[in-house]
C-alpha atoms as a PDB file:
ATOM      1  CA  MET A   1      85.954  -0.526  79.735  1.00  0.00           C
ATOM      2  CA  LYS A   2      83.015  -1.241  81.987  1.00  0.00           C
ATOM      3  CA  LYS A   3      84.744  -4.242  83.771  1.00  0.00           C
ATOM      4  CA  LYS A   4      87.721  -2.123  84.921  1.00  0.00           C
ATOM      5  CA  THR A   5      85.410   0.465  86.351  1.00  0.00           C
ATOM      6  CA  TYR A   6      83.871  -2.133  88.580  1.00  0.00           C
ATOM      7  CA  TYR A   7      87.225  -3.575  89.932  1.00  0.00           C
ATOM      8  CA  ILE A   8      88.916  -0.420  91.186  1.00  0.00           C
ATOM      9  CA  PRO A   9      86.388   0.641  93.814  1.00  0.00           C
ATOM     10  CA  VAL A  10      86.138  -2.847  95.140  1.00  0.00           C
ATOM     11  CA  LEU A  11      89.920  -3.168  95.650  1.00  0.00           C
ATOM     12  CA  LEU A  12      90.177   0.173  97.383  1.00  0.00           C
ATOM     13  CA  PHE A  13      87.330  -0.748  99.620  1.00  0.00           C
ATOM     14  CA  THR A  14      89.000  -4.055 100.539  1.00  0.00           C
ATOM     15  CA  LEU A  15      92.374  -2.437 101.400  1.00  0.00           C
ATOM     16  CA  ALA A  16      90.749   0.014 103.639  1.00  0.00           C
ATOM     17  CA  LEU A  17      88.936  -2.593 105.555  1.00  0.00           C
ATOM     18  CA  THR A  18      92.024  -4.771 106.211  1.00  0.00           C
ATOM     19  CA  SER A  19      94.015  -1.963 107.641  1.00  0.00           C
ATOM     20  CA  CYS A  20      91.477  -0.353 109.876  1.00  0.00           C
ATOM     21  CA  VAL A  21      89.028  -2.765 111.285  1.00  0.00           C
ATOM     22  CA  PRO A  22      89.307  -5.648 113.649  1.00  0.00           C
ATOM     23  CA  GLN A  23      89.202  -9.279 112.762  1.00  0.00           C
ATOM     24  CA  LYS A  24      85.524  -9.569 113.196  1.00  0.00           C
ATOM     25  CA  LEU A  25      84.966  -6.775 111.008  1.00  0.00           C
ATOM     26  CA  LEU A  26      87.484  -8.243 108.694  1.00  0.00           C
ATOM     27  CA  GLU A  27      85.641 -11.424 108.565  1.00  0.00           C
ATOM     28  CA  ASP A  28      82.470  -9.591 108.053  1.00  0.00           C
ATOM     29  CA  GLU A  29      84.089  -7.613 105.440  1.00  0.00           C
ATOM     30  CA  GLN A  30      85.478 -10.723 103.850  1.00  0.00           C
ATOM     31  CA  THR A  31      82.118 -12.223 103.956  1.00  0.00           C
ATOM     32  CA  LYS A  32      80.760  -9.116 102.455  1.00  0.00           C
ATOM     33  CA  ARG A  33      83.605  -9.191 100.044  1.00  0.00           C
ATOM     34  CA  LYS A  34      82.797 -12.705  99.015  1.00  0.00           C
ATOM     35  CA  SER A  35      79.265 -11.689  98.774  1.00  0.00           C
ATOM     36  CA  CYS A  36      80.330  -8.769  96.692  1.00  0.00           C
ATOM     37  CA  GLU A  37      82.541 -10.942  94.614  1.00  0.00           C
ATOM     38  CA  THR A  38      79.746 -13.331  94.178  1.00  0.00           C
ATOM     39  CA  GLU A  39      77.520 -10.441  93.327  1.00  0.00           C
ATOM     40  CA  LEU A  40      80.252  -9.109  91.139  1.00  0.00           C
ATOM     41  CA  ALA A  41      80.529 -12.420  89.382  1.00  0.00           C
ATOM     42  CA  ALA A  42      76.827 -12.393  88.954  1.00  0.00           C
ATOM     43  CA  LEU A  43      77.076  -8.857  87.765  1.00  0.00           C
ATOM     44  CA  LYS A  44      79.819  -9.904  85.372  1.00  0.00           C
ATOM     45  CA  THR A  45      77.677 -12.711  84.142  1.00  0.00           C
ATOM     46  CA  SER A  46      74.764 -10.321  83.927  1.00  0.00           C
ATOM     47  CA  SER A  47      77.044  -7.803  82.236  1.00  0.00           C
ATOM     48  CA  GLN A  48      78.108 -10.425  79.779  1.00  0.00           C
ATOM     49  CA  ASP A  49      74.533 -11.284  79.214  1.00  0.00           C
ATOM     50  CA  CYS A  50      73.806  -7.610  78.804  1.00  0.00           C
ATOM     51  CA  ASP A  51      76.734  -7.281  76.442  1.00  0.00           C
ATOM     52  CA  SER A  52      75.451 -10.264  74.521  1.00  0.00           C
ATOM     53  CA  LYS A  53      71.977  -8.836  74.532  1.00  0.00           C
ATOM     54  CA  LEU A  54      73.414  -5.439  73.619  1.00  0.00           C
ATOM     55  CA  ALA A  55      75.291  -6.996  70.746  1.00  0.00           C
ATOM     56  CA  GLU A  56      72.162  -8.740  69.675  1.00  0.00           C
ATOM     57  CA  ALA A  57      70.241  -5.511  70.174  1.00  0.00           C
ATOM     58  CA  ASN A  58      72.850  -3.626  68.150  1.00  0.00           C
ATOM     59  CA  LYS A  59      72.706  -6.310  65.507  1.00  0.00           C
ATOM     60  CA  GLN A  60      68.903  -6.186  65.601  1.00  0.00           C
ATOM     61  CA  LEU A  61      69.157  -2.388  65.567  1.00  0.00           C
ATOM     62  CA  ALA A  62      71.392  -2.547  62.502  1.00  0.00           C
ATOM     63  CA  ASP A  63      69.044  -4.998  60.918  1.00  0.00           C
ATOM     64  CA  ASP A  64      66.133  -2.812  61.879  1.00  0.00           C
ATOM     65  CA  GLN A  65      67.938   0.282  60.565  1.00  0.00           C
ATOM     66  CA  ARG A  66      68.639  -1.530  57.324  1.00  0.00           C
ATOM     67  CA  GLU A  67      65.069  -2.676  57.214  1.00  0.00           C
ATOM     68  CA  ILE A  68      63.894   0.842  58.084  1.00  0.00           C
ATOM     69  CA  LYS A  69      66.132   2.192  55.334  1.00  0.00           C
ATOM     70  CA  SER A  70      64.689  -0.404  52.981  1.00  0.00           C
ATOM     71  CA  LEU A  71      61.244   0.389  54.259  1.00  0.00           C
ATOM     72  CA  LYS A  72      61.937   4.093  53.774  1.00  0.00           C
ATOM     73  CA  LYS A  73      63.017   3.341  50.250  1.00  0.00           C
ATOM     74  CA  ASP A  74      59.982   1.145  49.806  1.00  0.00           C
ATOM     75  CA  THR A  75      57.868   3.837  51.462  1.00  0.00           C
ATOM     76  CA  ALA A  76      59.356   6.471  49.178  1.00  0.00           C
ATOM     77  CA  ARG A  77      58.762   4.188  46.212  1.00  0.00           C
ATOM     78  CA  VAL A  78      55.309   3.382  47.472  1.00  0.00           C
ATOM     79  CA  GLY A  79      54.788   7.104  48.058  1.00  0.00           C
ATOM     80  CA  ASP A  80      55.909   7.799  44.522  1.00  0.00           C
ATOM     81  CA  ASP A  81      53.708   4.991  43.324  1.00  0.00           C
ATOM     82  CA  LEU A  82      50.923   6.299  45.516  1.00  0.00           C
ATOM     83  CA  ARG A  83      51.365   9.795  44.155  1.00  0.00           C
ATOM     84  CA  GLY A  84      51.462   8.354  40.634  1.00  0.00           C
ATOM     85  CA  VAL A  85      48.416   6.255  41.371  1.00  0.00           C
ATOM     86  CA  SER A  86      46.787   9.264  43.035  1.00  0.00           C
ATOM     87  CA  MET A  87      47.541  11.386  39.989  1.00  0.00           C
ATOM     88  CA  LYS A  88      46.231   8.637  37.755  1.00  0.00           C
ATOM     89  CA  TYR A  89      43.230   8.300  40.028  1.00  0.00           C
ATOM     90  CA  ASP A  90      42.653  12.047  39.875  1.00  0.00           C
ATOM     91  CA  LYS A  91      43.106  11.895  36.110  1.00  0.00           C
ATOM     92  CA  LEU A  92      40.748   8.930  35.907  1.00  0.00           C
ATOM     93  CA  ASN A  93      38.328  10.809  38.152  1.00  0.00           C
ATOM     94  CA  GLN A  94      38.566  13.788  35.840  1.00  0.00           C
ATOM     95  CA  ILE A  95      38.105  11.557  32.784  1.00  0.00           C
ATOM     96  CA  ASN A  96      35.260   9.796  34.562  1.00  0.00           C
ATOM     97  CA  ASP A  97      33.611  13.148  35.285  1.00  0.00           C
ATOM     98  CA  GLN A  98      34.078  14.163  31.656  1.00  0.00           C
ATOM     99  CA  LEU A  99      32.720  10.849  30.465  1.00  0.00           C
ATOM    100  CA  LEU A 100      29.860  11.112  32.921  1.00  0.00           C
ATOM    101  CA  ASN A 101      29.083  14.611  31.648  1.00  0.00           C
ATOM    102  CA  LYS A 102      29.275  13.379  28.082  1.00  0.00           C
ATOM    103  CA  TYR A 103      27.142  10.396  28.988  1.00  0.00           C
ATOM    104  CA  ASN A 104      24.554  12.631  30.631  1.00  0.00           C
ATOM    105  CA  THR A 105      24.669  14.940  27.624  1.00  0.00           C
ATOM    106  CA  LEU A 106      24.362  11.998  25.263  1.00  0.00           C
ATOM    107  CA  LEU A 107      21.670  10.499  27.441  1.00  0.00           C
ATOM    108  CA  GLU A 108      19.738  13.768  27.382  1.00  0.00           C
ATOM    109  CA  GLY A 109      20.267  14.000  23.638  1.00  0.00           C
ATOM    110  CA  ASN A 110      19.336  10.358  23.237  1.00  0.00           C
ATOM    111  CA  ILE A 111      16.173  10.947  25.208  1.00  0.00           C
ATOM    112  CA  LYS A 112      15.305  13.836  22.893  1.00  0.00           C
ATOM    113  CA  ASP A 113      16.319  11.796  19.858  1.00  0.00           C
ATOM    114  CA  THR A 114      14.409   8.825  21.192  1.00  0.00           C
ATOM    115  CA  LYS A 115      11.315  10.958  21.661  1.00  0.00           C
ATOM    116  CA  LYS A 116      11.813  12.425  18.205  1.00  0.00           C
ATOM    117  CA  ILE A 117      12.402   9.004  16.674  1.00  0.00           C
ATOM    118  CA  SER A 118       9.440   7.623  18.609  1.00  0.00           C
ATOM    119  CA  GLY A 119       7.252  10.441  17.255  1.00  0.00           C
ATOM    120  CA  GLU A 120       8.583   9.895  13.737  1.00  0.00           C
ATOM    121  CA  LEU A 121       8.028   6.162  14.129  1.00  0.00           C
ATOM    122  CA  GLN A 122       4.459   6.723  15.242  1.00  0.00           C
ATOM    123  CA  THR A 123       3.916   9.105  12.315  1.00  0.00           C
ATOM    124  CA  THR A 124       5.484   6.563   9.972  1.00  0.00           C
ATOM    125  CA  GLN A 125       3.281   3.828  11.362  1.00  0.00           C
ATOM    126  CA  GLU A 126       0.221   6.019  10.869  1.00  0.00           C
ATOM    127  CA  GLN A 127       1.357   6.802   7.342  1.00  0.00           C
ATOM    128  CA  LEU A 128       1.996   3.115   6.758  1.00  0.00           C
ATOM    129  CA  LEU A 129      -1.498   2.250   7.954  1.00  0.00           C
ATOM    130  CA  LYS A 130      -2.904   4.947   5.674  1.00  0.00           C
ATOM    131  CA  LYS A 131      -0.808   3.607   2.804  1.00  0.00           C
ATOM    132  CA  GLN A 132      -2.119   0.144   3.557  1.00  0.00           C
ATOM    133  CA  ASP A 133      -5.680   1.483   3.464  1.00  0.00           C
ATOM    134  CA  ASP A 134      -4.877   3.321   0.232  1.00  0.00           C
ATOM    135  CA  LEU A 135      -3.324   0.143  -1.137  1.00  0.00           C
ATOM    136  CA  LYS A 136      -6.444  -1.828  -0.272  1.00  0.00           C
ATOM    137  CA  GLN A 137      -8.574   0.800  -1.990  1.00  0.00           C
ATOM    138  CA  LEU A 138      -6.263   0.745  -5.004  1.00  0.00           C
ATOM    139  CA  GLU A 139      -6.402  -3.047  -5.065  1.00  0.00           C
ATOM    140  CA  ALA A 140     -10.196  -2.867  -4.944  1.00  0.00           C
ATOM    141  CA  GLN A 141     -10.160  -0.273  -7.735  1.00  0.00           C
ATOM    142  CA  LEU A 142      -7.687  -2.390  -9.671  1.00  0.00           C
ATOM    143  CA  ASN A 143      -9.863  -5.471  -9.291  1.00  0.00           C
ATOM    144  CA  ASN A 144     -12.889  -3.421 -10.338  1.00  0.00           C
ATOM    145  CA  GLN A 145     -10.998  -1.990 -13.293  1.00  0.00           C
ATOM    146  CA  LYS A 146      -9.744  -5.466 -14.172  1.00  0.00           C
ATOM    147  CA  LYS A 147     -13.315  -6.720 -14.117  1.00  0.00           C
ATOM    148  CA  GLN A 148     -14.371  -3.759 -16.255  1.00  0.00           C
ATOM    149  CA  LEU A 149     -11.442  -4.451 -18.569  1.00  0.00           C
ATOM    150  CA  ASP A 150     -12.434  -8.104 -18.808  1.00  0.00           C
ATOM    151  CA  ASP A 151     -16.011  -7.037 -19.513  1.00  0.00           C
ATOM    152  CA  LEU A 152     -14.802  -4.537 -22.094  1.00  0.00           C
ATOM    153  CA  SER A 153     -12.546  -7.187 -23.589  1.00  0.00           C
ATOM    154  CA  ASP A 154     -15.502  -9.553 -23.877  1.00  0.00           C
ATOM    155  CA  GLU A 155     -17.611  -6.741 -25.316  1.00  0.00           C
ATOM    156  CA  LEU A 156     -14.802  -5.880 -27.733  1.00  0.00           C
ATOM    157  CA  LYS A 157     -14.609  -9.485 -28.864  1.00  0.00           C
ATOM    158  CA  LYS A 158     -18.364  -9.475 -29.394  1.00  0.00           C
ATOM    159  CA  ARG A 159     -18.125  -6.204 -31.306  1.00  0.00           C
ATOM    160  CA  GLU A 160     -15.239  -7.513 -33.349  1.00  0.00           C
ATOM    161  CA  ALA A 161     -17.354 -10.532 -34.174  1.00  0.00           C
ATOM    162  CA  ARG A 162     -20.237  -8.208 -35.100  1.00  0.00           C
ATOM    163  CA  VAL A 163     -17.919  -6.030 -37.183  1.00  0.00           C
ATOM    164  CA  ALA A 164     -16.587  -9.108 -38.924  1.00  0.00           C
ATOM    165  CA  GLU A 165     -20.174 -10.217 -39.526  1.00  0.00           C
ATOM    166  CA  LEU A 166     -21.106  -6.742 -40.785  1.00  0.00           C
ATOM    167  CA  GLU A 167     -18.088  -6.659 -43.048  1.00  0.00           C
ATOM    168  CA  HIS A 168     -19.068 -10.058 -44.369  1.00  0.00           C
ATOM    169  CA  ILE A 169     -22.644  -8.872 -44.960  1.00  0.00           C
ATOM    170  CA  LEU A 170     -21.458  -5.642 -46.584  1.00  0.00           C
ATOM    171  CA  LYS A 171     -19.054  -7.537 -48.775  1.00  0.00           C
ATOM    172  CA  SER A 172     -21.864  -9.892 -49.722  1.00  0.00           C
ATOM    173  CA  LYS A 173     -24.071  -6.867 -50.523  1.00  0.00           C
ATOM    174  CA  ASP A 174     -21.275  -5.266 -52.526  1.00  0.00           C
ATOM    175  CA  ASP A 175     -20.739  -8.497 -54.385  1.00  0.00           C
ATOM    176  CA  ALA A 176     -24.489  -8.741 -54.979  1.00  0.00           C
ATOM    177  CA  THR A 177     -24.604  -5.113 -56.148  1.00  0.00           C
ATOM    178  CA  ASN A 178     -21.686  -5.666 -58.493  1.00  0.00           C
ATOM    179  CA  ASP A 179     -23.354  -8.796 -59.790  1.00  0.00           C
ATOM    180  CA  LEU A 180     -26.651  -6.936 -60.224  1.00  0.00           C
ATOM    181  CA  LYS A 181     -24.970  -4.127 -62.164  1.00  0.00           C
ATOM    182  CA  LYS A 182     -23.254  -6.636 -64.416  1.00  0.00           C
ATOM    183  CA  LYS A 183     -26.522  -8.458 -65.072  1.00  0.00           C
ATOM    184  CA  LEU A 184     -28.303  -5.191 -65.852  1.00  0.00           C
ATOM    185  CA  SER A 185     -25.478  -4.030 -68.086  1.00  0.00           C
ATOM    186  CA  ASP A 186     -25.556  -7.342 -69.918  1.00  0.00           C
ATOM    187  CA  ALA A 187     -29.354  -7.264 -70.227  1.00  0.00           C
ATOM    188  CA  LEU A 188     -29.428  -3.635 -71.397  1.00  0.00           C
ATOM    189  CA  PHE A 189     -26.307  -3.813 -73.535  1.00  0.00           C
ATOM    190  CA  ASN A 190     -28.211  -2.816 -76.649  1.00  0.00           C
ATOM    191  CA  PHE A 191     -29.674   0.255 -74.930  1.00  0.00           C
ATOM    192  CA  GLU A 192     -26.590   1.678 -73.230  1.00  0.00           C
ATOM    193  CA  GLY A 193     -25.417   4.813 -74.919  1.00  0.00           C
ATOM    194  CA  LYS A 194     -28.871   5.222 -76.483  1.00  0.00           C
ATOM    195  CA  GLY A 195     -30.571   7.182 -73.744  1.00  0.00           C
ATOM    196  CA  LEU A 196     -29.795   4.634 -71.029  1.00  0.00           C
ATOM    197  CA  THR A 197     -26.907   4.321 -68.584  1.00  0.00           C
ATOM    198  CA  VAL A 198     -26.108   1.835 -65.803  1.00  0.00           C
ATOM    199  CA  THR A 199     -23.889   3.139 -63.011  1.00  0.00           C
ATOM    200  CA  GLN A 200     -22.932   2.137 -59.498  1.00  0.00           C
ATOM    201  CA  LYS A 201     -22.240   4.502 -56.613  1.00  0.00           C
ATOM    202  CA  ASN A 202     -22.655   4.539 -52.832  1.00  0.00           C
ATOM    203  CA  GLY A 203     -23.554   0.853 -52.824  1.00  0.00           C
ATOM    204  CA  LYS A 204     -26.472   1.376 -55.204  1.00  0.00           C
ATOM    205  CA  VAL A 205     -27.090   0.657 -58.896  1.00  0.00           C
ATOM    206  CA  TYR A 206     -28.630   3.456 -60.957  1.00  0.00           C
ATOM    207  CA  VAL A 207     -30.428   2.794 -64.258  1.00  0.00           C
ATOM    208  CA  SER A 208     -31.019   6.225 -65.772  1.00  0.00           C
ATOM    209  CA  MET A 209     -33.327   6.451 -68.809  1.00  0.00           C
ATOM    210  CA  ASP A 210     -33.860   9.594 -70.882  1.00  0.00           C
ATOM    211  CA  GLU A 211     -37.360  10.849 -71.698  1.00  0.00           C
ATOM    212  CA  SER A 212     -36.683  10.159 -75.373  1.00  0.00           C
ATOM    213  CA  LEU A 213     -36.371   6.428 -74.636  1.00  0.00           C
ATOM    214  CA  LEU A 214     -39.572   6.160 -72.604  1.00  0.00           C
ATOM    215  CA  PHE A 215     -42.078   8.946 -73.250  1.00  0.00           C
ATOM    216  CA  ALA A 216     -43.278  11.386 -75.820  1.00  0.00           C
ATOM    217  CA  SER A 217     -43.183  15.006 -74.663  1.00  0.00           C
ATOM    218  CA  GLY A 218     -45.744  15.615 -71.903  1.00  0.00           C
ATOM    219  CA  SER A 219     -46.968  11.987 -72.061  1.00  0.00           C
ATOM    220  CA  ILE A 220     -47.113   9.360 -69.291  1.00  0.00           C
ATOM    221  CA  LYS A 221     -47.446   6.426 -71.701  1.00  0.00           C
ATOM    222  CA  VAL A 222     -44.256   4.391 -72.126  1.00  0.00           C
ATOM    223  CA  GLU A 223     -43.141   3.985 -75.734  1.00  0.00           C
ATOM    224  CA  GLU A 224     -42.603   0.489 -77.188  1.00  0.00           C
ATOM    225  CA  LYS A 225     -38.829   0.771 -77.171  1.00  0.00           C
ATOM    226  CA  GLY A 226     -38.943   1.894 -73.576  1.00  0.00           C
ATOM    227  CA  GLN A 227     -41.185  -0.983 -72.614  1.00  0.00           C
ATOM    228  CA  GLU A 228     -38.683  -3.393 -74.145  1.00  0.00           C
ATOM    229  CA  ALA A 229     -35.946  -1.952 -71.973  1.00  0.00           C
ATOM    230  CA  LEU A 230     -38.138  -2.012 -68.832  1.00  0.00           C
ATOM    231  CA  ILE A 231     -39.096  -5.648 -69.415  1.00  0.00           C
ATOM    232  CA  LYS A 232     -35.421  -6.581 -69.534  1.00  0.00           C
ATOM    233  CA  VAL A 233     -34.909  -4.687 -66.295  1.00  0.00           C
ATOM    234  CA  ALA A 234     -37.910  -6.466 -64.748  1.00  0.00           C
ATOM    235  CA  LYS A 235     -36.506  -9.892 -65.646  1.00  0.00           C
ATOM    236  CA  VAL A 236     -33.280  -9.095 -63.901  1.00  0.00           C
ATOM    237  CA  LEU A 237     -35.052  -7.673 -60.848  1.00  0.00           C
ATOM    238  CA  GLU A 238     -37.282 -10.696 -60.315  1.00  0.00           C
ATOM    239  CA  GLN A 239     -34.139 -12.797 -59.821  1.00  0.00           C
ATOM    240  CA  ASN A 240     -33.015 -10.601 -56.901  1.00  0.00           C
ATOM    241  CA  LYS A 241     -35.325 -10.749 -53.930  1.00  0.00           C
ATOM    242  CA  ASP A 242     -33.014  -8.776 -51.623  1.00  0.00           C
ATOM    243  CA  ILE A 243     -33.193  -5.379 -53.307  1.00  0.00           C
ATOM    244  CA  ASN A 244     -35.462  -2.392 -52.986  1.00  0.00           C
ATOM    245  CA  VAL A 245     -36.431  -0.589 -56.191  1.00  0.00           C
ATOM    246  CA  LEU A 246     -37.131   3.136 -56.284  1.00  0.00           C
ATOM    247  CA  ILE A 247     -38.455   4.615 -59.510  1.00  0.00           C
ATOM    248  CA  GLU A 248     -38.003   8.393 -59.604  1.00  0.00           C
ATOM    249  CA  GLY A 249     -39.565  10.579 -62.280  1.00  0.00           C
ATOM    250  CA  HIS A 250     -37.774  13.885 -63.090  1.00  0.00           C
ATOM    251  CA  THR A 251     -38.854  16.801 -65.357  1.00  0.00           C
ATOM    252  CA  ASP A 252     -37.327  20.034 -66.566  1.00  0.00           C
ATOM    253  CA  ASP A 253     -38.333  23.395 -65.172  1.00  0.00           C
ATOM    254  CA  VAL A 254     -40.734  24.316 -67.974  1.00  0.00           C
ATOM    255  CA  PRO A 255     -44.295  24.551 -66.534  1.00  0.00           C
ATOM    256  CA  MET A 256     -47.101  22.364 -67.911  1.00  0.00           C
ATOM    257  CA  THR A 257     -49.540  24.244 -70.133  1.00  0.00           C
ATOM    258  CA  GLY A 258     -52.118  21.573 -71.063  1.00  0.00           C
ATOM    259  CA  LYS A 259     -55.590  21.252 -69.580  1.00  0.00           C
ATOM    260  CA  SER A 260     -55.543  17.458 -69.147  1.00  0.00           C
ATOM    261  CA  GLU A 261     -55.421  15.538 -65.851  1.00  0.00           C
ATOM    262  CA  ILE A 262     -51.726  16.430 -65.597  1.00  0.00           C
ATOM    263  CA  LYS A 263     -51.714  19.743 -63.751  1.00  0.00           C
ATOM    264  CA  ASP A 264     -47.954  20.351 -63.326  1.00  0.00           C
ATOM    265  CA  ASN A 265     -44.482  18.786 -63.348  1.00  0.00           C
ATOM    266  CA  TRP A 266     -45.180  17.088 -59.985  1.00  0.00           C
ATOM    267  CA  ASP A 267     -48.056  15.205 -61.536  1.00  0.00           C
ATOM    268  CA  LEU A 268     -46.054  14.381 -64.654  1.00  0.00           C
ATOM    269  CA  SER A 269     -43.081  12.991 -62.736  1.00  0.00           C
ATOM    270  CA  VAL A 270     -45.229  10.901 -60.373  1.00  0.00           C
ATOM    271  CA  LEU A 271     -47.456   9.485 -63.103  1.00  0.00           C
ATOM    272  CA  ARG A 272     -44.482   8.553 -65.266  1.00  0.00           C
ATOM    273  CA  ALA A 273     -42.913   6.697 -62.291  1.00  0.00           C
ATOM    274  CA  THR A 274     -46.222   4.934 -61.676  1.00  0.00           C
ATOM    275  CA  SER A 275     -46.457   3.894 -65.334  1.00  0.00           C
ATOM    276  CA  ILE A 276     -43.002   2.287 -65.113  1.00  0.00           C
ATOM    277  CA  VAL A 277     -43.910   0.450 -61.865  1.00  0.00           C
ATOM    278  CA  LYS A 278     -46.944  -1.020 -63.571  1.00  0.00           C
ATOM    279  CA  ILE A 279     -44.910  -2.265 -66.542  1.00  0.00           C
ATOM    280  CA  ILE A 280     -42.341  -3.905 -64.260  1.00  0.00           C
ATOM    281  CA  THR A 281     -44.929  -5.649 -62.109  1.00  0.00           C
ATOM    282  CA  LYS A 282     -46.902  -6.754 -65.165  1.00  0.00           C
ATOM    283  CA  ASN A 283     -43.880  -8.326 -66.844  1.00  0.00           C
ATOM    284  CA  SER A 284     -42.224 -10.016 -63.870  1.00  0.00           C
ATOM    285  CA  THR A 285     -42.855 -11.883 -60.650  1.00  0.00           C
ATOM    286  CA  ILE A 286     -41.191  -9.262 -58.546  1.00  0.00           C
ATOM    287  CA  ASP A 287     -42.929  -8.512 -55.249  1.00  0.00           C
ATOM    288  CA  PRO A 288     -44.643  -5.090 -55.524  1.00  0.00           C
ATOM    289  CA  LYS A 289     -43.497  -4.417 -51.949  1.00  0.00           C
ATOM    290  CA  GLN A 290     -40.003  -4.066 -53.348  1.00  0.00           C
ATOM    291  CA  LEU A 291     -41.130  -1.181 -55.588  1.00  0.00           C
ATOM    292  CA  THR A 292     -41.658   2.492 -54.778  1.00  0.00           C
ATOM    293  CA  ALA A 293     -42.823   5.161 -57.270  1.00  0.00           C
ATOM    294  CA  ALA A 294     -41.761   8.746 -56.599  1.00  0.00           C
ATOM    295  CA  GLY A 295     -42.023  12.043 -58.457  1.00  0.00           C
ATOM    296  CA  CYS A 296     -39.354  14.699 -57.984  1.00  0.00           C
ATOM    297  CA  GLY A 297     -40.569  17.257 -60.533  1.00  0.00           C
ATOM    298  CA  GLU A 298     -37.909  19.708 -61.641  1.00  0.00           C
ATOM    299  CA  TYR A 299     -36.231  19.966 -58.215  1.00  0.00           C
ATOM    300  CA  PHE A 300     -33.326  17.530 -58.673  1.00  0.00           C
ATOM    301  CA  PRO A 301     -31.781  18.568 -62.006  1.00  0.00           C
ATOM    302  CA  ILE A 302     -28.622  17.012 -63.374  1.00  0.00           C
ATOM    303  CA  ASP A 303     -27.735  20.303 -65.039  1.00  0.00           C
ATOM    304  CA  PRO A 304     -29.224  23.531 -63.565  1.00  0.00           C
ATOM    305  CA  ALA A 305     -28.548  25.523 -66.721  1.00  0.00           C
ATOM    306  CA  LYS A 306     -31.514  27.054 -68.573  1.00  0.00           C
ATOM    307  CA  THR A 307     -30.486  25.609 -71.922  1.00  0.00           C
ATOM    308  CA  THR A 308     -32.240  23.167 -74.195  1.00  0.00           C
ATOM    309  CA  GLU A 309     -29.437  20.635 -73.736  1.00  0.00           C
ATOM    310  CA  ALA A 310     -29.547  20.931 -69.929  1.00  0.00           C
ATOM    311  CA  ARG A 311     -33.322  20.553 -69.806  1.00  0.00           C
ATOM    312  CA  LYS A 312     -33.101  17.478 -72.024  1.00  0.00           C
ATOM    313  CA  LYS A 313     -30.702  15.887 -69.503  1.00  0.00           C
ATOM    314  CA  ASN A 314     -33.028  16.689 -66.629  1.00  0.00           C
ATOM    315  CA  ARG A 315     -36.080  15.004 -68.255  1.00  0.00           C
ATOM    316  CA  ARG A 316     -35.347  11.442 -67.132  1.00  0.00           C
ATOM    317  CA  THR A 317     -36.471   8.468 -65.091  1.00  0.00           C
ATOM    318  CA  GLU A 318     -34.102   6.791 -62.636  1.00  0.00           C
ATOM    319  CA  ILE A 319     -34.490   3.250 -61.364  1.00  0.00           C
ATOM    320  CA  ILE A 320     -32.458   3.080 -58.149  1.00  0.00           C
ATOM    321  CA  LEU A 321     -31.656  -0.408 -56.882  1.00  0.00           C
ATOM    322  CA  THR A 322     -30.651  -0.665 -53.214  1.00  0.00           C
ATOM    323  CA  PRO A 323     -29.684  -3.960 -51.541  1.00  0.00           C
ATOM    324  CA  LYS A 324     -31.914  -4.728 -48.591  1.00  0.00           C
ATOM    325  CA  LEU A 325     -30.072  -4.176 -45.336  1.00  0.00           C
ATOM    326  CA  ASP A 326     -32.481  -6.062 -43.078  1.00  0.00           C
ATOM    327  CA  GLU A 327     -29.823  -8.589 -42.153  1.00  0.00           C
ATOM    328  CA  LEU A 328     -27.373  -5.765 -41.510  1.00  0.00           C
ATOM    329  CA  PHE A 329     -29.863  -3.916 -39.294  1.00  0.00           C
ATOM    330  CA  LYS A 330     -30.506  -7.086 -37.318  1.00  0.00           C
ATOM    331  CA  VAL A 331     -26.796  -7.349 -36.594  1.00  0.00           C
ATOM    332  CA  LEU A 332     -26.630  -3.668 -35.626  1.00  0.00           C
ATOM    333  CA  GLU A 333     -29.619  -4.047 -33.303  1.00  0.00           C
ATOM    334  CA  THR A 334     -28.074  -7.060 -31.604  1.00  0.00           C
ATOM    335  CA  LYS A 335     -26.536  -6.059 -28.273  1.00  0.00           C
END
């Protein structure tokens, strides 16, 4: 379409020139025509080039349009992605703010808790130190108590040994007392039941002799039969060096009426005990230090009744044999 538009004016212009102008002008015109043709050819070439360039431009335009369309699609997709990312970013921002708030809250709470825990820890440490001090004191007390316990244990062992020793001594004394009673019973066999009895009680041996066996009424002189019994007692006593002998004289409650040297029952009981001591010492080798004479008058009756039978029982002499406990006392005094 563009090439035909160029040819028509040129032809009309040429026809006009050939009919109207002289040769010179014709030549000039021809020259001009040639020049125009040349120019036209150049224009054609240029037009072709333009057409080629236009085609290329159109092709490039189509390519660019396709690319733009693709880019628009990509842009739309990127926009969608961007909006999605933006939404996610906003959401993440929101979550981040929430987390930050929670973190700050937790941090504030942790600071409070940390302070609280730190205070509790300090208190616990102080309590622990106090407990350690208490433990040291308890350990010291325990060691002291252990030492006291060891001391008490040693003391207990010593006391147990002393108790065992005392028990041995007491058993020996009991055995000796039993043996002494048997010897006295054997020696006085003929007199037992005849105003004389041999008994054992409270670790002691009692030889009780009625007045009728030893003395006439109101007298302090021992009768022959009584002397015989006392001599037998003396022979047994001299074989036992570890006993103490107490001779007690007892009367009834009837007052003395005589005017002799015996003033009352006190005198009578003491003098009778003294008479017996003299007979024992005279007829044996017993140490007088083992003997004690005592008068009890009427103040330790066997029977407090005011009858003849009761008063007869009360008129008596008792020889009380007690094992010496010197060895026992030594053990007791030992610390």
